Amino acid sequence: MTYREGAYVVDTRSATLAQVMGNVGPRVQIRRPGGGREWEAPADALRLATRAEREAAGLRGSAAAPSASPVGCAECVRLDTARRAAGEYGELTEAAVDAMVAVRSHFREAHVLPAWPR
């Protein structure tokens, strides 16, 4: 299995939660959330972290640490919640892509473009 950069995984050899930093051939570079020294693991020694594992670590996007809109916009929060739910398992599905496009389009149209002089 290939893991995208930024995905949270568990190194099953040590039961350690880690974030994917990159891939080189069959090996994956990972490090603990928040930084630290990277290490390599074979892809077959990793599995995606569950929501409960991510929440227990207090990672952004979990119920324990909800993300907030930088501008306090309720629509931004709603769209971001839908985006996080669509990409919950770290997979780049059509629903996840559509949700990301919706977030970016709304932010650009509601918050960036109105500030530009016409």
N, C-alpha and C. Protein backbone atom coordinates (compact mmCIF):
# COMPACT_ATOMS: atom_id res chain seq x y z
N MET A 1 0.85 -1.18 0.00
CA MET A 1 0.00 0.00 0.00
C MET A 1 0.89 1.24 0.00
N THR A 2 0.45 2.26 -0.67
CA THR A 2 1.16 3.54 -0.70
C THR A 2 0.42 4.51 0.22
N TYR A 3 1.16 5.23 1.03
CA TYR A 3 0.56 6.21 1.93
C TYR A 3 0.93 7.60 1.47
N ARG A 4 -0.03 8.51 1.48
CA ARG A 4 0.24 9.88 1.05
C ARG A 4 0.97 10.63 2.15
N GLU A 5 1.75 11.62 1.74
CA GLU A 5 2.45 12.46 2.71
C GLU A 5 1.44 13.15 3.60
N GLY A 6 1.72 13.18 4.89
CA GLY A 6 0.83 13.81 5.85
C GLY A 6 -0.13 12.85 6.53
N ALA A 7 -0.32 11.64 5.96
CA ALA A 7 -1.23 10.66 6.57
C ALA A 7 -0.65 10.18 7.89
N TYR A 8 -1.54 9.86 8.82
CA TYR A 8 -1.10 9.32 10.11
C TYR A 8 -1.21 7.80 10.05
N VAL A 9 -0.14 7.15 10.44
CA VAL A 9 -0.06 5.70 10.40
C VAL A 9 0.46 5.18 11.73
N VAL A 10 0.34 3.87 11.91
CA VAL A 10 0.91 3.21 13.08
C VAL A 10 1.96 2.23 12.57
N ASP A 11 3.16 2.36 13.11
CA ASP A 11 4.23 1.40 12.81
C ASP A 11 3.92 0.19 13.68
N THR A 12 3.45 -0.89 13.07
CA THR A 12 2.99 -2.05 13.83
C THR A 12 4.12 -2.79 14.53
N ARG A 13 5.35 -2.53 14.14
CA ARG A 13 6.49 -3.18 14.80
C ARG A 13 6.68 -2.67 16.22
N SER A 14 6.30 -1.40 16.46
CA SER A 14 6.49 -0.81 17.79
C SER A 14 5.22 -0.17 18.33
N ALA A 15 4.11 -0.29 17.58
CA ALA A 15 2.83 0.33 17.95
C ALA A 15 2.98 1.84 18.14
N THR A 16 3.78 2.47 17.28
CA THR A 16 4.06 3.90 17.38
C THR A 16 3.26 4.68 16.34
N LEU A 17 2.54 5.72 16.79
CA LEU A 17 1.82 6.60 15.89
C LEU A 17 2.84 7.49 15.19
N ALA A 18 2.69 7.65 13.88
CA ALA A 18 3.65 8.45 13.11
C ALA A 18 2.94 9.13 11.95
N GLN A 19 3.62 10.12 11.37
CA GLN A 19 3.11 10.83 10.20
C GLN A 19 4.03 10.54 9.03
N VAL A 20 3.42 10.28 7.88
CA VAL A 20 4.19 9.97 6.68
C VAL A 20 4.84 11.24 6.15
N MET A 21 6.16 11.17 5.94
CA MET A 21 6.91 12.31 5.42
C MET A 21 7.27 12.11 3.95
N GLY A 22 7.31 10.86 3.50
CA GLY A 22 7.65 10.58 2.10
C GLY A 22 7.78 9.09 1.86
N ASN A 23 7.98 8.74 0.59
CA ASN A 23 8.14 7.35 0.19
C ASN A 23 9.36 7.23 -0.70
N VAL A 24 10.12 6.17 -0.51
CA VAL A 24 11.24 5.84 -1.39
C VAL A 24 11.15 4.35 -1.66
N GLY A 25 10.73 4.01 -2.87
CA GLY A 25 10.56 2.61 -3.20
C GLY A 25 9.56 1.96 -2.26
N PRO A 26 9.90 0.79 -1.72
CA PRO A 26 8.97 0.08 -0.84
C PRO A 26 9.01 0.58 0.61
N ARG A 27 9.83 1.57 0.89
CA ARG A 27 9.98 2.06 2.26
C ARG A 27 9.31 3.43 2.41
N VAL A 28 8.87 3.70 3.62
CA VAL A 28 8.15 4.94 3.93
C VAL A 28 8.91 5.67 5.03
N GLN A 29 9.14 6.97 4.83
CA GLN A 29 9.77 7.79 5.87
C GLN A 29 8.66 8.33 6.76
N ILE A 30 8.81 8.13 8.06
CA ILE A 30 7.80 8.56 9.02
C ILE A 30 8.49 9.22 10.22
N ARG A 31 7.70 10.00 10.97
CA ARG A 31 8.20 10.57 12.22
C ARG A 31 7.01 10.79 13.15
N ARG A 32 7.31 10.96 14.40
CA ARG A 32 6.25 11.20 15.39
C ARG A 32 5.55 12.52 15.07
N PRO A 33 4.25 12.62 15.35
CA PRO A 33 3.55 13.88 15.15
C PRO A 33 4.21 14.98 15.97
N GLY A 34 4.35 16.14 15.38
CA GLY A 34 4.97 17.26 16.07
C GLY A 34 6.46 17.38 15.84
N GLY A 35 7.04 16.42 15.12
CA GLY A 35 8.45 16.53 14.78
C GLY A 35 9.30 15.45 15.42
N GLY A 36 10.58 15.62 15.23
CA GLY A 36 11.53 14.64 15.75
C GLY A 36 12.26 13.95 14.62
N ARG A 37 13.04 12.97 14.98
CA ARG A 37 13.85 12.24 14.02
C ARG A 37 12.98 11.32 13.17
N GLU A 38 13.22 11.33 11.88
CA GLU A 38 12.51 10.43 10.97
C GLU A 38 13.14 9.05 10.99
N TRP A 39 12.33 8.05 10.68
CA TRP A 39 12.85 6.70 10.48
C TRP A 39 12.11 6.09 9.31
N GLU A 40 12.64 5.01 8.80
CA GLU A 40 12.03 4.32 7.67
C GLU A 40 11.38 3.05 8.14
N ALA A 41 10.29 2.71 7.46
CA ALA A 41 9.60 1.46 7.75
C ALA A 41 9.11 0.88 6.44
N PRO A 42 9.09 -0.44 6.33
CA PRO A 42 8.50 -1.04 5.14
C PRO A 42 7.00 -0.76 5.14
N ALA A 43 6.43 -0.50 3.97
CA ALA A 43 5.02 -0.15 3.88
C ALA A 43 4.13 -1.23 4.50
N ASP A 44 4.53 -2.49 4.38
CA ASP A 44 3.68 -3.55 4.93
C ASP A 44 3.74 -3.64 6.46
N ALA A 45 4.61 -2.86 7.09
CA ALA A 45 4.67 -2.80 8.56
C ALA A 45 3.83 -1.65 9.10
N LEU A 46 3.14 -0.92 8.21
CA LEU A 46 2.34 0.23 8.61
C LEU A 46 0.86 -0.05 8.38
N ARG A 47 0.04 0.65 9.13
CA ARG A 47 -1.41 0.68 8.88
C ARG A 47 -1.88 2.09 9.17
N LEU A 48 -3.00 2.48 8.58
CA LEU A 48 -3.54 3.81 8.85
C LEU A 48 -3.99 3.90 10.30
N ALA A 49 -3.74 5.02 10.91
CA ALA A 49 -4.18 5.25 12.29
C ALA A 49 -5.68 5.43 12.31
N THR A 50 -6.32 4.92 13.33
CA THR A 50 -7.76 5.10 13.46
C THR A 50 -8.07 6.50 13.98
N ARG A 51 -9.31 6.89 13.85
CA ARG A 51 -9.72 8.19 14.37
C ARG A 51 -9.46 8.25 15.88
N ALA A 52 -9.75 7.17 16.59
CA ALA A 52 -9.54 7.15 18.04
C ALA A 52 -8.06 7.35 18.38
N GLU A 53 -7.18 6.75 17.60
CA GLU A 53 -5.74 6.92 17.85
C GLU A 53 -5.30 8.36 17.58
N ARG A 54 -5.84 8.96 16.51
CA ARG A 54 -5.50 10.35 16.21
C ARG A 54 -6.04 11.28 17.28
N GLU A 55 -7.27 11.05 17.73
CA GLU A 55 -7.86 11.88 18.78
C GLU A 55 -7.09 11.75 20.09
N ALA A 56 -6.68 10.53 20.42
CA ALA A 56 -5.92 10.31 21.66
C ALA A 56 -4.61 11.09 21.65
N ALA A 57 -4.06 11.29 20.46
CA ALA A 57 -2.81 12.04 20.33
C ALA A 57 -3.06 13.55 20.24
N GLY A 58 -4.35 13.96 20.21
CA GLY A 58 -4.69 15.38 20.16
C GLY A 58 -4.36 16.03 18.83
N LEU A 59 -4.43 15.26 17.75
CA LEU A 59 -4.07 15.80 16.44
C LEU A 59 -5.15 16.68 15.87
N ARG A 60 -4.74 17.67 15.09
CA ARG A 60 -5.66 18.59 14.41
C ARG A 60 -6.62 17.78 13.57
N GLY A 61 -7.86 18.23 13.55
CA GLY A 61 -8.85 17.53 12.76
C GLY A 61 -9.60 16.48 13.57
N SER A 62 -9.22 16.29 14.81
CA SER A 62 -9.92 15.33 15.65
C SER A 62 -10.93 16.08 16.50
N ALA A 63 -11.85 15.35 17.09
CA ALA A 63 -12.85 15.98 17.95
C ALA A 63 -12.18 16.63 19.15
N ALA A 64 -11.04 16.09 19.56
CA ALA A 64 -10.34 16.65 20.71
C ALA A 64 -9.70 18.00 20.41
N ALA A 65 -9.41 18.23 19.13
CA ALA A 65 -8.77 19.48 18.73
C ALA A 65 -9.40 19.98 17.43
N PRO A 66 -10.65 20.42 17.48
CA PRO A 66 -11.32 20.83 16.25
C PRO A 66 -10.65 22.04 15.62
N SER A 67 -10.60 22.03 14.30
CA SER A 67 -10.03 23.18 13.61
C SER A 67 -11.09 24.27 13.52
N ALA A 68 -10.66 25.48 13.53
CA ALA A 68 -11.57 26.61 13.42
C ALA A 68 -11.22 27.40 12.18
N SER A 69 -12.22 28.04 11.61
CA SER A 69 -11.98 28.88 10.46
C SER A 69 -11.11 30.05 10.87
N PRO A 70 -10.13 30.42 10.05
CA PRO A 70 -9.28 31.55 10.41
C PRO A 70 -10.04 32.87 10.42
N VAL A 71 -11.22 32.89 9.83
CA VAL A 71 -11.98 34.14 9.78
C VAL A 71 -13.29 34.05 10.55
N GLY A 72 -13.53 32.93 11.23
CA GLY A 72 -14.75 32.78 12.02
C GLY A 72 -15.99 32.59 11.18
N CYS A 73 -15.86 32.07 9.99
CA CYS A 73 -16.98 31.88 9.08
C CYS A 73 -17.63 30.51 9.30
N ALA A 74 -18.93 30.49 9.58
CA ALA A 74 -19.64 29.23 9.82
C ALA A 74 -19.61 28.33 8.59
N GLU A 75 -19.68 28.91 7.41
CA GLU A 75 -19.62 28.11 6.17
C GLU A 75 -18.25 27.46 6.02
N CYS A 76 -17.19 28.16 6.37
CA CYS A 76 -15.84 27.56 6.33
C CYS A 76 -15.77 26.35 7.25
N VAL A 77 -16.31 26.49 8.45
CA VAL A 77 -16.29 25.39 9.42
C VAL A 77 -17.08 24.21 8.89
N ARG A 78 -18.28 24.46 8.33
CA ARG A 78 -19.11 23.39 7.79
C ARG A 78 -18.40 22.66 6.66
N LEU A 79 -17.83 23.42 5.73
CA LEU A 79 -17.13 22.81 4.60
C LEU A 79 -15.88 22.06 5.04
N ASP A 80 -15.16 22.59 6.02
CA ASP A 80 -13.95 21.92 6.50
C ASP A 80 -14.31 20.61 7.22
N THR A 81 -15.41 20.62 7.96
CA THR A 81 -15.86 19.39 8.62
C THR A 81 -16.20 18.32 7.58
N ALA A 82 -16.88 18.72 6.51
CA ALA A 82 -17.21 17.78 5.43
C ALA A 82 -15.94 17.28 4.75
N ARG A 83 -14.95 18.15 4.57
CA ARG A 83 -13.68 17.76 3.94
C ARG A 83 -12.96 16.73 4.81
N ARG A 84 -12.91 16.98 6.12
CA ARG A 84 -12.23 16.04 7.01
C ARG A 84 -12.93 14.69 7.03
N ALA A 85 -14.26 14.69 7.00
CA ALA A 85 -15.01 13.43 7.00
C ALA A 85 -14.76 12.66 5.70
N ALA A 86 -14.70 13.37 4.58
CA ALA A 86 -14.48 12.71 3.29
C ALA A 86 -13.09 12.10 3.18
N GLY A 87 -12.11 12.70 3.84
CA GLY A 87 -10.74 12.19 3.78
C GLY A 87 -10.31 11.49 5.05
N GLU A 88 -11.27 10.98 5.80
CA GLU A 88 -11.00 10.42 7.13
C GLU A 88 -9.96 9.32 7.13
N TYR A 89 -9.93 8.51 6.10
CA TYR A 89 -9.02 7.36 6.11
C TYR A 89 -7.73 7.63 5.35
N GLY A 90 -7.47 8.89 5.02
CA GLY A 90 -6.23 9.24 4.35
C GLY A 90 -6.20 8.88 2.88
N GLU A 91 -7.35 8.52 2.33
CA GLU A 91 -7.42 8.15 0.92
C GLU A 91 -7.87 9.34 0.09
N LEU A 92 -7.34 9.45 -1.10
CA LEU A 92 -7.71 10.54 -1.99
C LEU A 92 -8.86 10.06 -2.88
N THR A 93 -10.08 10.12 -2.35
CA THR A 93 -11.26 9.69 -3.08
C THR A 93 -11.86 10.88 -3.82
N GLU A 94 -12.80 10.59 -4.70
CA GLU A 94 -13.47 11.66 -5.44
C GLU A 94 -14.21 12.59 -4.46
N ALA A 95 -14.81 12.01 -3.43
CA ALA A 95 -15.52 12.82 -2.44
C ALA A 95 -14.56 13.75 -1.70
N ALA A 96 -13.36 13.25 -1.38
CA ALA A 96 -12.36 14.08 -0.69
C ALA A 96 -11.90 15.23 -1.58
N VAL A 97 -11.69 14.94 -2.86
CA VAL A 97 -11.28 15.99 -3.81
C VAL A 97 -12.38 17.03 -3.95
N ASP A 98 -13.63 16.57 -4.11
CA ASP A 98 -14.76 17.50 -4.25
C ASP A 98 -14.89 18.39 -3.01
N ALA A 99 -14.70 17.80 -1.83
CA ALA A 99 -14.80 18.58 -0.59
C ALA A 99 -13.70 19.63 -0.51
N MET A 100 -12.49 19.27 -0.92
CA MET A 100 -11.38 20.23 -0.89
C MET A 100 -11.63 21.37 -1.87
N VAL A 101 -12.14 21.05 -3.05
CA VAL A 101 -12.46 22.09 -4.03
C VAL A 101 -13.52 23.03 -3.47
N ALA A 102 -14.52 22.48 -2.78
CA ALA A 102 -15.58 23.32 -2.20
C ALA A 102 -15.01 24.26 -1.14
N VAL A 103 -14.11 23.76 -0.30
CA VAL A 103 -13.49 24.61 0.74
C VAL A 103 -12.71 25.74 0.09
N ARG A 104 -11.86 25.39 -0.86
CA ARG A 104 -11.01 26.40 -1.50
C ARG A 104 -11.82 27.42 -2.29
N SER A 105 -12.84 26.93 -3.00
CA SER A 105 -13.67 27.85 -3.79
C SER A 105 -14.40 28.84 -2.87
N HIS A 106 -14.98 28.32 -1.80
CA HIS A 106 -15.68 29.20 -0.87
C HIS A 106 -14.72 30.22 -0.27
N PHE A 107 -13.56 29.76 0.19
CA PHE A 107 -12.61 30.68 0.83
C PHE A 107 -12.19 31.78 -0.14
N ARG A 108 -11.88 31.39 -1.37
CA ARG A 108 -11.45 32.37 -2.36
C ARG A 108 -12.56 33.37 -2.65
N GLU A 109 -13.78 32.87 -2.89
CA GLU A 109 -14.88 33.75 -3.28
C GLU A 109 -15.43 34.58 -2.13
N ALA A 110 -15.45 34.02 -0.93
CA ALA A 110 -16.04 34.73 0.21
C ALA A 110 -15.05 35.58 0.99
N HIS A 111 -13.77 35.21 0.95
CA HIS A 111 -12.82 35.89 1.84
C HIS A 111 -11.65 36.57 1.13
N VAL A 112 -11.23 36.05 0.00
CA VAL A 112 -10.08 36.64 -0.68
C VAL A 112 -10.51 37.66 -1.72
N LEU A 113 -11.37 37.26 -2.63
CA LEU A 113 -11.75 38.15 -3.73
C LEU A 113 -12.45 39.43 -3.28
N PRO A 114 -13.34 39.40 -2.27
CA PRO A 114 -13.96 40.66 -1.85
C PRO A 114 -12.96 41.70 -1.35
N ALA A 115 -11.81 41.26 -0.89
CA ALA A 115 -10.80 42.18 -0.37
C ALA A 115 -9.97 42.82 -1.48
N TRP A 116 -10.00 42.24 -2.67
CA TRP A 116 -9.20 42.78 -3.78
C TRP A 116 -9.88 44.00 -4.37
N PRO A 117 -9.12 45.04 -4.66
CA PRO A 117 -9.72 46.23 -5.30
C PRO A 117 -10.21 45.88 -6.70
N ARG A 118 -11.29 46.50 -7.07
CA ARG A 118 -11.87 46.20 -8.40
C ARG A 118 -11.70 47.36 -9.31
